[in-house]
């Protein structure tokens, strides 16, 4: 059996690297093989799954330095059919890739906005006068470097190897313990093949909107979890895009959505929310730095 997995491209992105780790894990666990399908954006990766062009997508959702990846959150809210199967935690180490002979020659630095932000302090220290240009991915600009000896790209060492390019500076992210959480997403309900052995899911992700912007509108839903002893590992707001000051709330909970405790919470939560979406219950699989 072979499945297809969407990810942010071109080849060499961190999303592809996470997808490769997931494929290796899946082959060892189930014997299921996979082909990787790069897409120009995170949104298109998720849309490919919703349209059944691929069976899965591996998308970044949160970085330890820069926080949530808003495109992933917004697209997941818009596409009702998608479900989280697994979370991957991957260490991230950025390098400065260029055909320039030295840092002094560089005038422009390209990369994904998240990568640029994760290296902001380094750039201000070592390349304070360069022009910083955001791109759709960390690897989008790599194929053009040979034609511009004054340009550089922030990407992974694996990307430098794939494109046969030189790394001028290694580990330039501002914080050494930089890591990104990725979600493996499918269309429809959780498949037992994607779970870690027979272990029950450890996390549930959901989002909701509230009926009105009034005192206690957010407090009452959160009290439901507090009263049942359910711990929140993340809460974040995103604009509804309907009106200024209206928000959606995204939550990660340290519990299984199918547990009696969580079912009770969801029943109570429906009283205080306008729209409630459950994105899935899943396990978390760390990726060792030795494998990166």
C-alpha atoms as a PDB file:
ATOM      1  CA  UNK A   1       0.000   0.000   0.000  1.00  0.00           C
ATOM      2  CA  UNK A   2       1.284   3.458  -0.940  1.00  0.00           C
ATOM      3  CA  UNK A   3      -0.149   6.779   0.204  1.00  0.00           C
ATOM      4  CA  UNK A   4       0.624  10.360  -0.827  1.00  0.00           C
ATOM      5  CA  UNK A   5       1.618  13.133   1.594  1.00  0.00           C
ATOM      6  CA  UNK A   6       1.419  16.860   0.857  1.00  0.00           C
ATOM      7  CA  UNK A   7       3.933  19.280   2.329  1.00  0.00           C
ATOM      8  CA  UNK A   8       5.276  22.786   1.770  1.00  0.00           C
ATOM      9  CA  UNK A   9       7.828  22.781  -1.045  1.00  0.00           C
ATOM     10  CA  UNK A  10      10.085  23.054  -2.972  1.00  0.00           C
ATOM     11  CA  UNK A  11      12.212  20.091  -1.782  1.00  0.00           C
ATOM     12  CA  UNK A  12      14.437  20.737   1.222  1.00  0.00           C
ATOM     13  CA  UNK A  13      11.919  22.507   3.468  1.00  0.00           C
ATOM     14  CA  UNK A  14      11.572  21.624   7.132  1.00  0.00           C
ATOM     15  CA  UNK A  15       8.050  20.395   6.380  1.00  0.00           C
ATOM     16  CA  UNK A  16       9.505  17.916   3.884  1.00  0.00           C
ATOM     17  CA  UNK A  17      12.093  16.862   6.465  1.00  0.00           C
ATOM     18  CA  UNK A  18       9.335  16.220   9.011  1.00  0.00           C
ATOM     19  CA  UNK A  19       7.350  14.330   6.367  1.00  0.00           C
ATOM     20  CA  UNK A  20      10.373  12.113   5.596  1.00  0.00           C
ATOM     21  CA  UNK A  21      10.744  11.280   9.285  1.00  0.00           C
ATOM     22  CA  UNK A  22       7.037  10.457   9.431  1.00  0.00           C
ATOM     23  CA  UNK A  23       7.254   8.225   6.331  1.00  0.00           C
ATOM     24  CA  UNK A  24      10.187   6.299   7.836  1.00  0.00           C
ATOM     25  CA  UNK A  25       8.250   5.852  11.079  1.00  0.00           C
ATOM     26  CA  UNK A  26       5.140   4.741   9.185  1.00  0.00           C
ATOM     27  CA  UNK A  27       7.040   2.176   7.103  1.00  0.00           C
ATOM     28  CA  UNK A  28       8.654   0.667  10.200  1.00  0.00           C
ATOM     29  CA  UNK A  29       5.368   0.572  12.098  1.00  0.00           C
ATOM     30  CA  UNK A  30       2.882  -0.531   9.433  1.00  0.00           C
ATOM     31  CA  UNK A  31       4.759  -1.293   6.203  1.00  0.00           C
ATOM     32  CA  UNK A  32       2.764   1.461   4.477  1.00  0.00           C
ATOM     33  CA  UNK A  33       4.927   3.410   2.041  1.00  0.00           C
ATOM     34  CA  UNK A  34       4.412   6.977   0.871  1.00  0.00           C
ATOM     35  CA  UNK A  35       5.291   9.427  -1.863  1.00  0.00           C
ATOM     36  CA  UNK A  36       5.865  13.097  -1.025  1.00  0.00           C
ATOM     37  CA  UNK A  37       4.019  15.843  -2.894  1.00  0.00           C
ATOM     38  CA  UNK A  38       5.368  19.410  -2.523  1.00  0.00           C
ATOM     39  CA  UNK A  39       2.912  22.324  -2.708  1.00  0.00           C
ATOM     40  CA  UNK A  40       3.628  26.078  -2.961  1.00  0.00           C
ATOM     41  CA  UNK A  41       1.947  26.951   0.357  1.00  0.00           C
ATOM     42  CA  UNK A  42       0.779  25.454   3.642  1.00  0.00           C
ATOM     43  CA  UNK A  43      -2.825  26.258   2.734  1.00  0.00           C
ATOM     44  CA  UNK A  44      -2.511  24.389  -0.572  1.00  0.00           C
ATOM     45  CA  UNK A  45      -1.035  21.392   1.248  1.00  0.00           C
ATOM     46  CA  UNK A  46      -4.121  21.188   3.460  1.00  0.00           C
ATOM     47  CA  UNK A  47      -6.475  21.887   0.568  1.00  0.00           C
ATOM     48  CA  UNK A  48      -4.912  18.960  -1.319  1.00  0.00           C
ATOM     49  CA  UNK A  49      -6.036  16.625   1.465  1.00  0.00           C
ATOM     50  CA  UNK A  50      -9.539  18.139   1.604  1.00  0.00           C
ATOM     51  CA  UNK A  51      -9.836  17.678  -2.180  1.00  0.00           C
ATOM     52  CA  UNK A  52      -8.510  14.086  -1.880  1.00  0.00           C
ATOM     53  CA  UNK A  53      -5.521  14.840  -4.086  1.00  0.00           C
ATOM     54  CA  UNK A  54      -3.372  13.354  -1.300  1.00  0.00           C
ATOM     55  CA  UNK A  55      -4.178  11.175   1.710  1.00  0.00           C
ATOM     56  CA  UNK A  56      -2.194  13.206   4.260  1.00  0.00           C
ATOM     57  CA  UNK A  57      -0.419  16.513   4.790  1.00  0.00           C
ATOM     58  CA  UNK A  58       2.418  17.397   7.139  1.00  0.00           C
ATOM     59  CA  UNK A  59       2.152  21.060   8.143  1.00  0.00           C
ATOM     60  CA  UNK A  60       3.868  23.259  10.767  1.00  0.00           C
ATOM     61  CA  UNK A  61       1.588  24.554  13.508  1.00  0.00           C
ATOM     62  CA  UNK A  62       3.808  26.089  16.180  1.00  0.00           C
ATOM     63  CA  UNK A  63       7.406  27.183  16.687  1.00  0.00           C
ATOM     64  CA  UNK A  64       9.083  27.496  20.075  1.00  0.00           C
ATOM     65  CA  UNK A  65      10.448  30.969  19.194  1.00  0.00           C
ATOM     66  CA  UNK A  66       7.838  32.564  16.949  1.00  0.00           C
ATOM     67  CA  UNK A  67       4.660  30.843  18.139  1.00  0.00           C
ATOM     68  CA  UNK A  68       1.769  29.658  15.995  1.00  0.00           C
ATOM     69  CA  UNK A  69       1.770  29.292  12.223  1.00  0.00           C
ATOM     70  CA  UNK A  70      -1.385  31.258  11.501  1.00  0.00           C
ATOM     71  CA  UNK A  71      -1.903  29.941   7.961  1.00  0.00           C
ATOM     72  CA  UNK A  72      -2.230  26.410   9.331  1.00  0.00           C
ATOM     73  CA  UNK A  73      -4.717  27.477  12.006  1.00  0.00           C
ATOM     74  CA  UNK A  74      -6.850  29.583   9.670  1.00  0.00           C
ATOM     75  CA  UNK A  75      -6.984  26.922   6.947  1.00  0.00           C
ATOM     76  CA  UNK A  76      -7.837  24.153   9.406  1.00  0.00           C
ATOM     77  CA  UNK A  77     -10.762  26.227  10.672  1.00  0.00           C
ATOM     78  CA  UNK A  78     -12.006  26.791   7.118  1.00  0.00           C
ATOM     79  CA  UNK A  79     -11.761  23.126   6.022  1.00  0.00           C
ATOM     80  CA  UNK A  80     -14.226  21.204   8.198  1.00  0.00           C
ATOM     81  CA  UNK A  81     -13.288  17.722   6.983  1.00  0.00           C
ATOM     82  CA  UNK A  82      -9.657  17.646   8.184  1.00  0.00           C
ATOM     83  CA  UNK A  83      -8.496  15.742  11.273  1.00  0.00           C
ATOM     84  CA  UNK A  84      -5.147  15.660  13.087  1.00  0.00           C
ATOM     85  CA  UNK A  85      -3.630  12.165  13.163  1.00  0.00           C
ATOM     86  CA  UNK A  86      -0.299  12.800  14.900  1.00  0.00           C
ATOM     87  CA  UNK A  87       1.983  15.585  16.115  1.00  0.00           C
ATOM     88  CA  UNK A  88       5.720  15.656  15.392  1.00  0.00           C
ATOM     89  CA  UNK A  89       8.175  17.783  17.381  1.00  0.00           C
ATOM     90  CA  UNK A  90      11.271  18.523  15.264  1.00  0.00           C
ATOM     91  CA  UNK A  91      14.435  20.451  16.254  1.00  0.00           C
ATOM     92  CA  UNK A  92      15.186  23.318  13.867  1.00  0.00           C
ATOM     93  CA  UNK A  93      18.710  24.569  13.052  1.00  0.00           C
ATOM     94  CA  UNK A  94      19.013  27.318  10.449  1.00  0.00           C
ATOM     95  CA  UNK A  95      22.027  27.996   8.277  1.00  0.00           C
ATOM     96  CA  UNK A  96      22.920  30.908   6.009  1.00  0.00           C
ATOM     97  CA  UNK A  97      23.311  29.535   2.483  1.00  0.00           C
ATOM     98  CA  UNK A  98      24.973  31.565  -0.269  1.00  0.00           C
ATOM     99  CA  UNK A  99      27.349  31.574  -3.223  1.00  0.00           C
ATOM    100  CA  UNK A 100      28.979  34.698  -1.801  1.00  0.00           C
ATOM    101  CA  UNK A 101      32.597  34.456  -0.676  1.00  0.00           C
ATOM    102  CA  UNK A 102      31.954  36.165   2.674  1.00  0.00           C
ATOM    103  CA  UNK A 103      29.264  37.781   4.811  1.00  0.00           C
ATOM    104  CA  UNK A 104      30.502  41.222   3.699  1.00  0.00           C
ATOM    105  CA  UNK A 105      29.328  40.505   0.142  1.00  0.00           C
ATOM    106  CA  UNK A 106      25.715  39.778   1.069  1.00  0.00           C
ATOM    107  CA  UNK A 107      23.119  42.462   0.352  1.00  0.00           C
ATOM    108  CA  UNK A 108      19.879  40.434   0.418  1.00  0.00           C
ATOM    109  CA  UNK A 109      18.615  37.573   2.606  1.00  0.00           C
ATOM    110  CA  UNK A 110      15.586  35.473   1.641  1.00  0.00           C
ATOM    111  CA  UNK A 111      13.538  32.954   3.624  1.00  0.00           C
ATOM    112  CA  UNK A 112      10.135  32.087   5.027  1.00  0.00           C
ATOM    113  CA  UNK A 113       8.895  34.769   7.496  1.00  0.00           C
ATOM    114  CA  UNK A 114       9.102  32.301  10.408  1.00  0.00           C
ATOM    115  CA  UNK A 115      12.749  31.488   9.668  1.00  0.00           C
ATOM    116  CA  UNK A 116      13.636  35.166   9.264  1.00  0.00           C
ATOM    117  CA  UNK A 117      12.042  35.973  12.616  1.00  0.00           C
ATOM    118  CA  UNK A 118      13.807  33.057  14.323  1.00  0.00           C
ATOM    119  CA  UNK A 119      17.153  34.511  13.176  1.00  0.00           C
ATOM    120  CA  UNK A 120      16.346  38.196  13.670  1.00  0.00           C
ATOM    121  CA  UNK A 121      18.948  38.775  16.385  1.00  0.00           C
ATOM    122  CA  UNK A 122      21.716  37.095  14.378  1.00  0.00           C
ATOM    123  CA  UNK A 123      20.849  39.126  11.278  1.00  0.00           C
ATOM    124  CA  UNK A 124      20.882  42.382  13.241  1.00  0.00           C
ATOM    125  CA  UNK A 125      24.303  41.516  14.672  1.00  0.00           C
ATOM    126  CA  UNK A 126      26.129  40.131  11.631  1.00  0.00           C
ATOM    127  CA  UNK A 127      24.182  41.542   8.657  1.00  0.00           C
ATOM    128  CA  UNK A 128      22.614  44.756   9.984  1.00  0.00           C
ATOM    129  CA  UNK A 129      22.323  46.518   6.611  1.00  0.00           C
ATOM    130  CA  UNK A 130      20.985  43.686   4.402  1.00  0.00           C
ATOM    131  CA  UNK A 131      17.552  43.735   2.814  1.00  0.00           C
ATOM    132  CA  UNK A 132      15.392  40.932   4.255  1.00  0.00           C
ATOM    133  CA  UNK A 133      12.813  39.506   1.823  1.00  0.00           C
ATOM    134  CA  UNK A 134      10.117  36.995   2.907  1.00  0.00           C
ATOM    135  CA  UNK A 135       9.370  34.028   0.616  1.00  0.00           C
ATOM    136  CA  UNK A 136       6.741  31.255   0.606  1.00  0.00           C
ATOM    137  CA  UNK A 137       9.238  28.709   1.957  1.00  0.00           C
ATOM    138  CA  UNK A 138      12.824  28.428   3.153  1.00  0.00           C
ATOM    139  CA  UNK A 139      13.888  26.774  -0.115  1.00  0.00           C
ATOM    140  CA  UNK A 140      11.976  28.788  -2.725  1.00  0.00           C
ATOM    141  CA  UNK A 141      14.939  31.055  -3.551  1.00  0.00           C
ATOM    142  CA  UNK A 142      17.745  28.482  -3.389  1.00  0.00           C
ATOM    143  CA  UNK A 143      17.665  27.675  -7.108  1.00  0.00           C
ATOM    144  CA  UNK A 144      18.423  31.337  -7.937  1.00  0.00           C
ATOM    145  CA  UNK A 145      21.480  31.783  -5.690  1.00  0.00           C
ATOM    146  CA  UNK A 146      24.053  30.826  -8.314  1.00  0.00           C
ATOM    147  CA  UNK A 147      22.908  33.802 -10.406  1.00  0.00           C
ATOM    148  CA  UNK A 148      23.294  36.291  -7.562  1.00  0.00           C
ATOM    149  CA  UNK A 149      26.522  36.274  -5.550  1.00  0.00           C
ATOM    150  CA  UNK A 150      25.150  38.982  -3.213  1.00  0.00           C
ATOM    151  CA  UNK A 151      22.128  36.984  -2.052  1.00  0.00           C
ATOM    152  CA  UNK A 152      21.699  34.445   0.752  1.00  0.00           C
ATOM    153  CA  UNK A 153      18.936  32.153   1.983  1.00  0.00           C
ATOM    154  CA  UNK A 154      18.166  30.944   5.497  1.00  0.00           C
ATOM    155  CA  UNK A 155      17.403  27.230   5.308  1.00  0.00           C
ATOM    156  CA  UNK A 156      18.526  23.848   6.648  1.00  0.00           C
ATOM    157  CA  UNK A 157      21.854  22.100   6.125  1.00  0.00           C
ATOM    158  CA  UNK A 158      19.925  19.359   4.338  1.00  0.00           C
ATOM    159  CA  UNK A 159      18.636  21.948   1.856  1.00  0.00           C
ATOM    160  CA  UNK A 160      22.199  23.127   1.197  1.00  0.00           C
ATOM    161  CA  UNK A 161      23.201  19.532   0.417  1.00  0.00           C
ATOM    162  CA  UNK A 162      20.206  18.973  -1.891  1.00  0.00           C
ATOM    163  CA  UNK A 163      21.004  22.082  -3.926  1.00  0.00           C
ATOM    164  CA  UNK A 164      24.799  21.642  -3.674  1.00  0.00           C
ATOM    165  CA  UNK A 165      25.270  25.046  -2.080  1.00  0.00           C
ATOM    166  CA  UNK A 166      27.661  26.395   0.531  1.00  0.00           C
ATOM    167  CA  UNK A 167      26.711  27.218   4.134  1.00  0.00           C
ATOM    168  CA  UNK A 168      28.379  30.466   5.218  1.00  0.00           C
ATOM    169  CA  UNK A 169      27.157  30.256   8.832  1.00  0.00           C
ATOM    170  CA  UNK A 170      25.652  27.374  10.817  1.00  0.00           C
ATOM    171  CA  UNK A 171      23.074  27.393  13.631  1.00  0.00           C
ATOM    172  CA  UNK A 172      22.138  31.038  13.260  1.00  0.00           C
ATOM    173  CA  UNK A 173      18.746  30.809  15.006  1.00  0.00           C
ATOM    174  CA  UNK A 174      18.658  33.081  18.046  1.00  0.00           C
ATOM    175  CA  UNK A 175      17.804  30.293  20.488  1.00  0.00           C
ATOM    176  CA  UNK A 176      19.614  26.927  20.278  1.00  0.00           C
ATOM    177  CA  UNK A 177      16.644  24.848  21.480  1.00  0.00           C
ATOM    178  CA  UNK A 178      14.533  25.969  18.524  1.00  0.00           C
ATOM    179  CA  UNK A 179      11.883  23.415  17.536  1.00  0.00           C
ATOM    180  CA  UNK A 180       8.690  23.266  15.507  1.00  0.00           C
ATOM    181  CA  UNK A 181       5.560  21.212  16.047  1.00  0.00           C
ATOM    182  CA  UNK A 182       4.049  19.698  12.913  1.00  0.00           C
ATOM    183  CA  UNK A 183       0.638  18.069  12.485  1.00  0.00           C
ATOM    184  CA  UNK A 184      -0.034  15.057  10.286  1.00  0.00           C
ATOM    185  CA  UNK A 185      -3.494  15.766   8.904  1.00  0.00           C
ATOM    186  CA  UNK A 186      -5.971  13.576   7.024  1.00  0.00           C
ATOM    187  CA  UNK A 187      -9.512  13.856   5.705  1.00  0.00           C
ATOM    188  CA  UNK A 188     -11.972  12.156   8.018  1.00  0.00           C
ATOM    189  CA  UNK A 189     -11.531  10.386  11.316  1.00  0.00           C
ATOM    190  CA  UNK A 190      -8.369   9.055  12.975  1.00  0.00           C
ATOM    191  CA  UNK A 191      -6.869   5.902  11.442  1.00  0.00           C
ATOM    192  CA  UNK A 192      -5.420   3.347  13.873  1.00  0.00           C
ATOM    193  CA  UNK A 193      -2.386   2.993  11.584  1.00  0.00           C
ATOM    194  CA  UNK A 194      -1.272   6.501  12.517  1.00  0.00           C
ATOM    195  CA  UNK A 195      -1.401   6.009  16.282  1.00  0.00           C
ATOM    196  CA  UNK A 196       1.617   5.157  18.403  1.00  0.00           C
ATOM    197  CA  UNK A 197       0.987   1.426  19.061  1.00  0.00           C
ATOM    198  CA  UNK A 198      -2.120   1.039  21.230  1.00  0.00           C
ATOM    199  CA  UNK A 199      -1.518   4.124  23.368  1.00  0.00           C
ATOM    200  CA  UNK A 200      -4.588   6.320  23.770  1.00  0.00           C
ATOM    201  CA  UNK A 201      -4.269   9.824  22.311  1.00  0.00           C
ATOM    202  CA  UNK A 202      -2.601  12.243  24.718  1.00  0.00           C
ATOM    203  CA  UNK A 203      -3.820  15.520  23.194  1.00  0.00           C
ATOM    204  CA  UNK A 204      -6.955  17.012  21.666  1.00  0.00           C
ATOM    205  CA  UNK A 205      -7.081  20.172  19.571  1.00  0.00           C
ATOM    206  CA  UNK A 206     -10.217  22.237  19.026  1.00  0.00           C
ATOM    207  CA  UNK A 207     -11.401  25.759  18.287  1.00  0.00           C
ATOM    208  CA  UNK A 208     -14.534  27.739  18.984  1.00  0.00           C
ATOM    209  CA  UNK A 209     -16.176  31.094  18.538  1.00  0.00           C
ATOM    210  CA  UNK A 210     -18.304  32.759  21.195  1.00  0.00           C
ATOM    211  CA  UNK A 211     -21.864  34.090  20.649  1.00  0.00           C
ATOM    212  CA  UNK A 212     -21.024  37.664  21.682  1.00  0.00           C
ATOM    213  CA  UNK A 213     -18.183  39.845  22.931  1.00  0.00           C
ATOM    214  CA  UNK A 214     -19.511  40.236  26.492  1.00  0.00           C
ATOM    215  CA  UNK A 215     -17.940  39.866  29.955  1.00  0.00           C
ATOM    216  CA  UNK A 216     -17.261  36.187  30.698  1.00  0.00           C
ATOM    217  CA  UNK A 217     -17.641  35.042  27.089  1.00  0.00           C
ATOM    218  CA  UNK A 218     -14.226  33.342  27.186  1.00  0.00           C
ATOM    219  CA  UNK A 219     -14.107  32.666  30.924  1.00  0.00           C
ATOM    220  CA  UNK A 220     -17.150  30.388  30.928  1.00  0.00           C
ATOM    221  CA  UNK A 221     -15.791  27.931  28.306  1.00  0.00           C
ATOM    222  CA  UNK A 222     -12.410  27.834  30.055  1.00  0.00           C
ATOM    223  CA  UNK A 223     -14.058  27.167  33.411  1.00  0.00           C
ATOM    224  CA  UNK A 224     -15.517  23.975  31.939  1.00  0.00           C
ATOM    225  CA  UNK A 225     -12.013  22.535  31.541  1.00  0.00           C
ATOM    226  CA  UNK A 226     -10.793  23.864  34.888  1.00  0.00           C
ATOM    227  CA  UNK A 227     -13.691  22.320  36.784  1.00  0.00           C
ATOM    228  CA  UNK A 228     -13.057  18.926  35.172  1.00  0.00           C
ATOM    229  CA  UNK A 229      -9.290  19.109  35.787  1.00  0.00           C
ATOM    230  CA  UNK A 230      -8.376  19.169  32.074  1.00  0.00           C
ATOM    231  CA  UNK A 231      -5.078  20.957  31.433  1.00  0.00           C
ATOM    232  CA  UNK A 232      -4.654  23.351  28.493  1.00  0.00           C
ATOM    233  CA  UNK A 233      -1.224  23.248  26.848  1.00  0.00           C
ATOM    234  CA  UNK A 234      -2.026  26.088  24.426  1.00  0.00           C
ATOM    235  CA  UNK A 235      -4.672  28.752  23.876  1.00  0.00           C
ATOM    236  CA  UNK A 236      -4.568  31.356  21.140  1.00  0.00           C
ATOM    237  CA  UNK A 237      -6.976  33.766  19.491  1.00  0.00           C
ATOM    238  CA  UNK A 238      -7.383  34.444  15.774  1.00  0.00           C
ATOM    239  CA  UNK A 239      -9.669  37.028  14.138  1.00  0.00           C
ATOM    240  CA  UNK A 240     -12.929  35.656  12.727  1.00  0.00           C
ATOM    241  CA  UNK A 241     -12.359  37.908   9.687  1.00  0.00           C
ATOM    242  CA  UNK A 242     -15.999  39.010   9.992  1.00  0.00           C
ATOM    243  CA  UNK A 243     -15.570  42.110  12.144  1.00  0.00           C
ATOM    244  CA  UNK A 244     -12.817  43.871  14.048  1.00  0.00           C
ATOM    245  CA  UNK A 245     -12.707  42.619  17.629  1.00  0.00           C
ATOM    246  CA  UNK A 246     -14.312  39.215  16.922  1.00  0.00           C
ATOM    247  CA  UNK A 247     -12.100  36.202  17.619  1.00  0.00           C
ATOM    248  CA  UNK A 248     -11.825  32.439  17.338  1.00  0.00           C
ATOM    249  CA  UNK A 249     -10.062  30.574  20.141  1.00  0.00           C
ATOM    250  CA  UNK A 250      -7.756  27.644  19.427  1.00  0.00           C
ATOM    251  CA  UNK A 251      -7.016  25.239  22.287  1.00  0.00           C
ATOM    252  CA  UNK A 252      -4.750  22.225  22.792  1.00  0.00           C
ATOM    253  CA  UNK A 253      -5.832  20.003  25.681  1.00  0.00           C
ATOM    254  CA  UNK A 254      -3.832  17.288  27.423  1.00  0.00           C
ATOM    255  CA  UNK A 255      -6.509  14.637  27.174  1.00  0.00           C
ATOM    256  CA  UNK A 256      -8.207  12.210  24.778  1.00  0.00           C
ATOM    257  CA  UNK A 257     -11.325  13.565  23.058  1.00  0.00           C
ATOM    258  CA  UNK A 258     -13.029  10.180  23.454  1.00  0.00           C
ATOM    259  CA  UNK A 259     -12.600  10.001  27.246  1.00  0.00           C
ATOM    260  CA  UNK A 260     -15.665  10.327  29.453  1.00  0.00           C
ATOM    261  CA  UNK A 261     -14.150  13.419  31.041  1.00  0.00           C
ATOM    262  CA  UNK A 262     -13.679  15.126  27.679  1.00  0.00           C
ATOM    263  CA  UNK A 263     -17.125  14.119  26.406  1.00  0.00           C
ATOM    264  CA  UNK A 264     -18.625  15.791  29.471  1.00  0.00           C
ATOM    265  CA  UNK A 265     -16.533  18.894  28.798  1.00  0.00           C
ATOM    266  CA  UNK A 266     -17.629  19.098  25.158  1.00  0.00           C
ATOM    267  CA  UNK A 267     -21.294  18.801  26.140  1.00  0.00           C
ATOM    268  CA  UNK A 268     -20.923  21.703  28.575  1.00  0.00           C
ATOM    269  CA  UNK A 269     -18.790  23.686  26.121  1.00  0.00           C
ATOM    270  CA  UNK A 270     -21.519  23.652  23.484  1.00  0.00           C
ATOM    271  CA  UNK A 271     -23.678  25.763  25.804  1.00  0.00           C
ATOM    272  CA  UNK A 272     -21.206  28.662  25.769  1.00  0.00           C
ATOM    273  CA  UNK A 273     -19.908  28.555  22.185  1.00  0.00           C
ATOM    274  CA  UNK A 274     -21.309  29.671  18.844  1.00  0.00           C
ATOM    275  CA  UNK A 275     -19.300  27.280  16.634  1.00  0.00           C
ATOM    276  CA  UNK A 276     -17.224  24.411  18.070  1.00  0.00           C
ATOM    277  CA  UNK A 277     -14.821  22.365  15.920  1.00  0.00           C
ATOM    278  CA  UNK A 278     -12.838  19.330  17.078  1.00  0.00           C
ATOM    279  CA  UNK A 279      -9.677  18.944  14.995  1.00  0.00           C
ATOM    280  CA  UNK A 280      -8.717  15.553  16.414  1.00  0.00           C
ATOM    281  CA  UNK A 281      -7.216  13.529  19.236  1.00  0.00           C
ATOM    282  CA  UNK A 282      -3.624  12.438  18.695  1.00  0.00           C
ATOM    283  CA  UNK A 283      -0.278  11.413  20.141  1.00  0.00           C
ATOM    284  CA  UNK A 284       2.951  13.435  20.074  1.00  0.00           C
ATOM    285  CA  UNK A 285       6.089  11.937  18.533  1.00  0.00           C
ATOM    286  CA  UNK A 286       9.418  13.729  19.254  1.00  0.00           C
ATOM    287  CA  UNK A 287      12.152  13.659  16.597  1.00  0.00           C
ATOM    288  CA  UNK A 288      15.659  13.219  17.999  1.00  0.00           C
ATOM    289  CA  UNK A 289      18.293  15.797  17.041  1.00  0.00           C
ATOM    290  CA  UNK A 290      20.487  12.861  15.999  1.00  0.00           C
ATOM    291  CA  UNK A 291      18.043  12.123  13.172  1.00  0.00           C
ATOM    292  CA  UNK A 292      18.020  15.668  11.779  1.00  0.00           C
END
